[in-house]
C-alpha atoms as a PDB file:
ATOM      1  CA  MET A   1      12.569   8.967 -11.477  1.00  0.00           C
ATOM      2  CA  ARG A   2       9.690  10.108 -13.614  1.00  0.00           C
ATOM      3  CA  GLN A   3       7.348  12.924 -12.687  1.00  0.00           C
ATOM      4  CA  GLY A   4       4.708  11.732 -10.245  1.00  0.00           C
ATOM      5  CA  GLU A   5       6.907   9.107  -8.603  1.00  0.00           C
ATOM      6  CA  ALA A   6       7.756   9.229  -4.920  1.00  0.00           C
ATOM      7  CA  PHE A   7      10.561   7.700  -2.924  1.00  0.00           C
ATOM      8  CA  LEU A   8      10.351   7.450   0.886  1.00  0.00           C
ATOM      9  CA  THR A   9      12.614   5.935   3.517  1.00  0.00           C
ATOM     10  CA  THR A  10      11.528   4.389   6.821  1.00  0.00           C
ATOM     11  CA  ARG A  11      13.557   3.190   9.804  1.00  0.00           C
ATOM     12  CA  ALA A  12      10.880   1.353  11.797  1.00  0.00           C
ATOM     13  CA  THR A  13       7.899  -0.914  11.225  1.00  0.00           C
ATOM     14  CA  GLU A  14       5.661   1.789  12.704  1.00  0.00           C
ATOM     15  CA  GLU A  15       6.820   4.243  10.057  1.00  0.00           C
ATOM     16  CA  THR A  16       6.039   1.813   7.219  1.00  0.00           C
ATOM     17  CA  GLU A  17       2.632   1.146   8.750  1.00  0.00           C
ATOM     18  CA  TYR A  18       1.974   4.905   9.017  1.00  0.00           C
ATOM     19  CA  ILE A  19       2.762   5.360   5.322  1.00  0.00           C
ATOM     20  CA  GLY A  20       0.247   2.580   4.655  1.00  0.00           C
ATOM     21  CA  ALA A  21      -2.299   4.486   6.759  1.00  0.00           C
ATOM     22  CA  VAL A  22      -1.771   7.624   4.693  1.00  0.00           C
ATOM     23  CA  LEU A  23      -2.368   5.510   1.584  1.00  0.00           C
ATOM     24  CA  GLY A  24      -5.491   4.002   3.127  1.00  0.00           C
ATOM     25  CA  LYS A  25      -6.909   7.468   3.828  1.00  0.00           C
ATOM     26  CA  ALA A  26      -6.121   8.721   0.319  1.00  0.00           C
ATOM     27  CA  MET A  27      -7.385   5.717  -1.687  1.00  0.00           C
ATOM     28  CA  ARG A  28     -10.776   5.397  -3.333  1.00  0.00           C
ATOM     29  CA  PRO A  29     -12.142   2.367  -5.202  1.00  0.00           C
ATOM     30  CA  PRO A  30     -11.379   0.954  -7.589  1.00  0.00           C
ATOM     31  CA  LEU A  31      -7.619   0.942  -7.196  1.00  0.00           C
ATOM     32  CA  VAL A  32      -5.000  -1.791  -7.422  1.00  0.00           C
ATOM     33  CA  VAL A  33      -1.720  -1.509  -5.532  1.00  0.00           C
ATOM     34  CA  ALA A  34       0.938  -3.872  -6.913  1.00  0.00           C
ATOM     35  CA  LEU A  35       3.481  -4.686  -4.185  1.00  0.00           C
ATOM     36  CA  TYR A  36       7.053  -5.744  -4.940  1.00  0.00           C
ATOM     37  CA  GLY A  37       9.830  -6.676  -2.539  1.00  0.00           C
ATOM     38  CA  ASP A  38      11.683  -9.588  -1.008  1.00  0.00           C
ATOM     39  CA  LEU A  39      10.358 -11.651   1.890  1.00  0.00           C
ATOM     40  CA  GLY A  40      10.260  -9.624   5.082  1.00  0.00           C
ATOM     41  CA  THR A  41      10.558  -6.171   3.542  1.00  0.00           C
ATOM     42  CA  GLY A  42       7.225  -4.910   4.874  1.00  0.00           C
ATOM     43  CA  LYS A  43       4.607  -5.446   2.176  1.00  0.00           C
ATOM     44  CA  THR A  44       2.034  -6.787   4.649  1.00  0.00           C
ATOM     45  CA  VAL A  45       2.969  -4.071   7.162  1.00  0.00           C
ATOM     46  CA  LEU A  46       2.055  -1.443   4.551  1.00  0.00           C
ATOM     47  CA  VAL A  47      -1.270  -3.210   3.889  1.00  0.00           C
ATOM     48  CA  ARG A  48      -1.956  -3.393   7.644  1.00  0.00           C
ATOM     49  CA  GLY A  49      -1.583   0.393   7.905  1.00  0.00           C
ATOM     50  CA  ALA A  50      -3.921   0.959   4.955  1.00  0.00           C
ATOM     51  CA  ALA A  51      -6.490  -1.439   6.413  1.00  0.00           C
ATOM     52  CA  ARG A  52      -6.509   0.327   9.791  1.00  0.00           C
ATOM     53  CA  ALA A  53      -7.015   3.676   8.068  1.00  0.00           C
ATOM     54  CA  MET A  54      -9.931   2.186   6.137  1.00  0.00           C
ATOM     55  CA  GLY A  55     -11.641   1.193   9.392  1.00  0.00           C
ATOM     56  CA  ILE A  56     -10.762  -2.512   9.290  1.00  0.00           C
ATOM     57  CA  GLU A  57     -10.312  -3.873  12.800  1.00  0.00           C
ATOM     58  CA  GLU A  58      -9.456  -7.485  11.924  1.00  0.00           C
ATOM     59  CA  GLU A  59      -5.871  -8.669  12.255  1.00  0.00           C
ATOM     60  CA  ILE A  60      -4.117  -8.280   8.894  1.00  0.00           C
ATOM     61  CA  SER A  61      -1.730 -11.065   7.960  1.00  0.00           C
ATOM     62  CA  SER A  62      -0.140 -12.210   4.735  1.00  0.00           C
ATOM     63  CA  PRO A  63      -2.511 -14.290   2.606  1.00  0.00           C
ATOM     64  CA  SER A  64       0.373 -16.573   1.526  1.00  0.00           C
ATOM     65  CA  PHE A  65      -1.501 -19.805   2.141  1.00  0.00           C
ATOM     66  CA  VAL A  66      -5.074 -18.750   1.364  1.00  0.00           C
ATOM     67  CA  LEU A  67      -3.981 -16.518  -1.551  1.00  0.00           C
ATOM     68  CA  LEU A  68      -6.795 -13.968  -1.060  1.00  0.00           C
ATOM     69  CA  LYS A  69      -8.277 -12.352   2.026  1.00  0.00           C
ATOM     70  CA  ILE A  70     -11.223  -9.972   1.855  1.00  0.00           C
ATOM     71  CA  TYR A  71     -11.770  -7.364   4.554  1.00  0.00           C
ATOM     72  CA  GLN A  72     -14.621  -4.886   4.921  1.00  0.00           C
ATOM     73  CA  GLY A  73     -14.024  -1.297   6.022  1.00  0.00           C
ATOM     74  CA  ARG A  74     -15.193   1.931   4.371  1.00  0.00           C
ATOM     75  CA  PHE A  75     -15.073  -0.233   1.247  1.00  0.00           C
ATOM     76  CA  PRO A  76     -13.741  -3.747   0.566  1.00  0.00           C
ATOM     77  CA  LEU A  77     -10.021  -4.456   0.715  1.00  0.00           C
ATOM     78  CA  TYR A  78      -8.853  -7.437  -1.351  1.00  0.00           C
ATOM     79  CA  HIS A  79      -5.450  -8.683  -0.202  1.00  0.00           C
ATOM     80  CA  TYR A  80      -3.808 -11.040  -2.703  1.00  0.00           C
ATOM     81  CA  ASP A  81      -0.540 -12.934  -2.444  1.00  0.00           C
ATOM     82  CA  PHE A  82       0.747 -14.388  -5.731  1.00  0.00           C
ATOM     83  CA  TYR A  83       3.872 -15.923  -4.123  1.00  0.00           C
ATOM     84  CA  ARG A  84       2.665 -19.547  -4.011  1.00  0.00           C
ATOM     85  CA  LEU A  85       0.830 -19.499  -7.348  1.00  0.00           C
ATOM     86  CA  ASN A  86       2.396 -21.453 -10.183  1.00  0.00           C
ATOM     87  CA  GLN A  87      -0.156 -21.180 -12.982  1.00  0.00           C
ATOM     88  CA  ALA A  88      -2.521 -18.511 -14.237  1.00  0.00           C
ATOM     89  CA  GLU A  89      -5.442 -20.929 -13.879  1.00  0.00           C
ATOM     90  CA  GLU A  90      -5.070 -20.680 -10.114  1.00  0.00           C
ATOM     91  CA  LEU A  91      -5.776 -16.953 -10.334  1.00  0.00           C
ATOM     92  CA  GLU A  92      -8.914 -17.581 -12.329  1.00  0.00           C
ATOM     93  CA  GLU A  93     -10.115 -20.010  -9.646  1.00  0.00           C
ATOM     94  CA  LEU A  94      -9.732 -17.209  -7.095  1.00  0.00           C
ATOM     95  CA  GLY A  95     -12.120 -15.035  -9.113  1.00  0.00           C
ATOM     96  CA  ILE A  96      -9.488 -12.515 -10.074  1.00  0.00           C
ATOM     97  CA  ASP A  97     -11.815 -10.902 -12.621  1.00  0.00           C
ATOM     98  CA  GLU A  98     -14.348 -10.177  -9.883  1.00  0.00           C
ATOM     99  CA  TYR A  99     -11.973  -8.653  -7.319  1.00  0.00           C
ATOM    100  CA  LEU A 100      -9.225  -7.031  -9.353  1.00  0.00           C
ATOM    101  CA  PRO A 101      -9.970  -4.158  -9.164  1.00  0.00           C
ATOM    102  CA  GLY A 102     -13.472  -4.975  -7.931  1.00  0.00           C
ATOM    103  CA  GLU A 103     -15.669  -2.722  -5.804  1.00  0.00           C
ATOM    104  CA  GLY A 104     -12.871  -1.790  -3.419  1.00  0.00           C
ATOM    105  CA  VAL A 105      -9.105  -1.560  -3.404  1.00  0.00           C
ATOM    106  CA  ALA A 106      -6.784  -4.481  -4.021  1.00  0.00           C
ATOM    107  CA  PHE A 107      -3.273  -4.991  -2.689  1.00  0.00           C
ATOM    108  CA  VAL A 108      -1.323  -7.639  -4.597  1.00  0.00           C
ATOM    109  CA  GLU A 109       1.828  -8.991  -2.961  1.00  0.00           C
ATOM    110  CA  TRP A 110       4.340 -10.545  -5.395  1.00  0.00           C
ATOM    111  CA  ALA A 111       2.497  -8.808  -8.248  1.00  0.00           C
ATOM    112  CA  GLY A 112       5.390  -9.446 -10.647  1.00  0.00           C
ATOM    113  CA  ARG A 113       4.563 -13.159 -10.862  1.00  0.00           C
ATOM    114  CA  PHE A 114       1.483 -12.523 -13.044  1.00  0.00           C
ATOM    115  CA  PRO A 115       1.655  -8.947 -14.353  1.00  0.00           C
ATOM    116  CA  GLU A 116      -0.670  -9.757 -17.234  1.00  0.00           C
ATOM    117  CA  TYR A 117      -3.562  -9.961 -14.745  1.00  0.00           C
ATOM    118  CA  LEU A 118      -3.014  -6.477 -13.394  1.00  0.00           C
ATOM    119  CA  PRO A 119      -4.947  -3.519 -14.824  1.00  0.00           C
ATOM    120  CA  GLN A 120      -3.204  -0.749 -16.759  1.00  0.00           C
ATOM    121  CA  GLU A 121      -4.102   1.823 -14.120  1.00  0.00           C
ATOM    122  CA  LEU A 122      -2.517   0.948 -10.789  1.00  0.00           C
ATOM    123  CA  LEU A 123       0.006   2.000  -8.180  1.00  0.00           C
ATOM    124  CA  ASP A 124       3.318   0.113  -8.165  1.00  0.00           C
ATOM    125  CA  VAL A 125       4.997   0.031  -4.741  1.00  0.00           C
ATOM    126  CA  THR A 126       8.459  -1.483  -4.370  1.00  0.00           C
ATOM    127  CA  ILE A 127       9.915  -1.964  -0.896  1.00  0.00           C
ATOM    128  CA  THR A 128      13.601  -2.749  -0.454  1.00  0.00           C
ATOM    129  CA  ARG A 129      15.659  -3.321   2.677  1.00  0.00           C
ATOM    130  CA  PHE A 130      18.919  -1.411   3.175  1.00  0.00           C
ATOM    131  CA  PHE A 131      21.600  -1.087   5.818  1.00  0.00           C
ATOM    132  CA  ASP A 132      23.726   1.975   6.555  1.00  0.00           C
ATOM    133  CA  TYR A 133      25.470   3.716   9.459  1.00  0.00           C
ATOM    134  CA  SER A 134      22.100   4.140  11.254  1.00  0.00           C
ATOM    135  CA  GLY A 135      21.121   0.489  10.903  1.00  0.00           C
ATOM    136  CA  GLU A 136      18.370  -1.185   8.927  1.00  0.00           C
ATOM    137  CA  GLY A 137      15.721   0.662   6.956  1.00  0.00           C
ATOM    138  CA  ARG A 138      13.286   0.425   4.068  1.00  0.00           C
ATOM    139  CA  ARG A 139      13.120   2.333   0.805  1.00  0.00           C
ATOM    140  CA  ILE A 140       9.589   2.585  -0.565  1.00  0.00           C
ATOM    141  CA  HIS A 141       9.236   3.616  -4.204  1.00  0.00           C
ATOM    142  CA  PHE A 142       5.786   4.622  -5.517  1.00  0.00           C
ATOM    143  CA  VAL A 143       5.122   4.669  -9.266  1.00  0.00           C
ATOM    144  CA  PRO A 144       1.594   5.700 -10.269  1.00  0.00           C
ATOM    145  CA  HIS A 145       0.026   4.565 -13.521  1.00  0.00           C
ATOM    146  CA  GLY A 146      -3.048   6.642 -14.243  1.00  0.00           C
ATOM    147  CA  PRO A 147      -4.755   9.684 -12.737  1.00  0.00           C
ATOM    148  CA  GLN A 148      -6.243   7.994  -9.655  1.00  0.00           C
ATOM    149  CA  ALA A 149      -2.910   6.468  -8.577  1.00  0.00           C
ATOM    150  CA  SER A 150      -1.219   9.815  -9.248  1.00  0.00           C
ATOM    151  CA  GLN A 151      -3.664  11.566  -6.912  1.00  0.00           C
ATOM    152  CA  VAL A 152      -2.904   9.036  -4.169  1.00  0.00           C
ATOM    153  CA  VAL A 153       0.855   9.626  -4.508  1.00  0.00           C
ATOM    154  CA  GLU A 154       0.283  13.390  -4.502  1.00  0.00           C
ATOM    155  CA  LYS A 155      -1.688  13.143  -1.235  1.00  0.00           C
ATOM    156  CA  LEU A 156       1.034  10.937   0.221  1.00  0.00           C
ATOM    157  CA  ILE A 157       3.720  13.511  -0.544  1.00  0.00           C
ATOM    158  CA  GLU A 158       1.552  16.367   0.780  1.00  0.00           C
ATOM    159  CA  THR A 159       0.964  14.525   4.066  1.00  0.00           C
ATOM    160  CA  ILE A 160       4.293  12.856   4.974  1.00  0.00           C
ATOM    161  CA  THR A 161       6.824  14.951   6.896  1.00  0.00           C
ATOM    162  CA  TRP A 162      10.022  14.192   8.796  1.00  0.00           C
ATOM    163  CA  ARG A 163      11.500  15.447  12.050  1.00  0.00           C
ATOM    164  CA  VAL A 164      14.927  17.076  12.185  1.00  0.00           C
ATOM    165  CA  ASP A 165      16.430  13.792  13.461  1.00  0.00           C
ATOM    166  CA  GLY A 166      15.278  12.014  10.282  1.00  0.00           C
ATOM    167  CA  THR A 167      12.404  10.033  11.806  1.00  0.00           C
ATOM    168  CA  LEU A 168       8.970  10.088  10.244  1.00  0.00           C
ATOM    169  CA  ASN A 169       6.587  12.602  11.794  1.00  0.00           C
ATOM    170  CA  ARG A 170       3.549  10.391  12.453  1.00  0.00           C
ATOM    171  CA  LEU A 171       0.840  12.990  12.966  1.00  0.00           C
ATOM    172  CA  PRO A 172      -2.731  11.837  13.681  1.00  0.00           C
ATOM    173  CA  LEU A 173      -4.687  11.562  10.444  1.00  0.00           C
ATOM    174  CA  THR A 174      -8.165  12.978   9.919  1.00  0.00           C
ATOM    175  CA  GLU A 175     -11.012  10.828   8.696  1.00  0.00           C
ATOM    176  CA  GLU A 176     -10.176  11.584   5.089  1.00  0.00           C
ATOM    177  CA  ILE A 177      -7.313  13.133   3.223  1.00  0.00           C
ATOM    178  CA  ASN A 178      -8.782  15.551   0.739  1.00  0.00           C
ATOM    179  CA  GLY A 179      -8.162  19.129  -0.243  1.00  0.00           C
ATOM    180  CA  ALA A 180      -8.459  20.259   3.389  1.00  0.00           C
ATOM    181  CA  SER A 181      -5.974  19.804   6.197  1.00  0.00           C
ATOM    182  CA  SER A 182      -4.717  16.244   6.616  1.00  0.00           C
ATOM    183  CA  PHE A 183      -4.353  16.526  10.382  1.00  0.00           C
ATOM    184  CA  ARG A 184      -6.662  17.062  13.336  1.00  0.00           C
ATOM    185  CA  GLU A 185      -6.881  20.593  14.643  1.00  0.00           C
ATOM    186  CA  GLY A 186      -4.694  21.260  17.664  1.00  0.00           C
ATOM    187  CA  GLU A 187      -2.446  18.227  17.263  1.00  0.00           C
END
């Protein structure tokens, strides 16, 4: 791993969603999050957590068939899915230049299909499934490219903690993760 990278492990959907929420609290526009991972690894779960933390109340689902969903919270969230795209022209029809990175944050599932359309500064997130003596889990690898993505990963690492039993300590998050405490007083 290079300096600035982070590697986290989750054992439950709720833990992956919580990590997404920490991301959602730490992100500021414009930022692109490129998501990599097989079907069913939790890419949309991570986005759902970020969306909730950004104040988005709509149900978050994979944009596999519509290719792009736009949600409004503290700022816009553009949720792309490149899985069903075959040609770069299809991206241009979606208005990729307008929304990537756009006025908000963009999450791009299956980002590896068209990497040439991604900006230089972004946050790569790879989610892989694993099995061990404790059962099924997820490994989430964060690789920042640029100062803004690096700050997000730094806030993630400062905020995430684990219990002695190895489960993620999902403490209530404050309105924003900044230089002050990341948790509500008394909780």
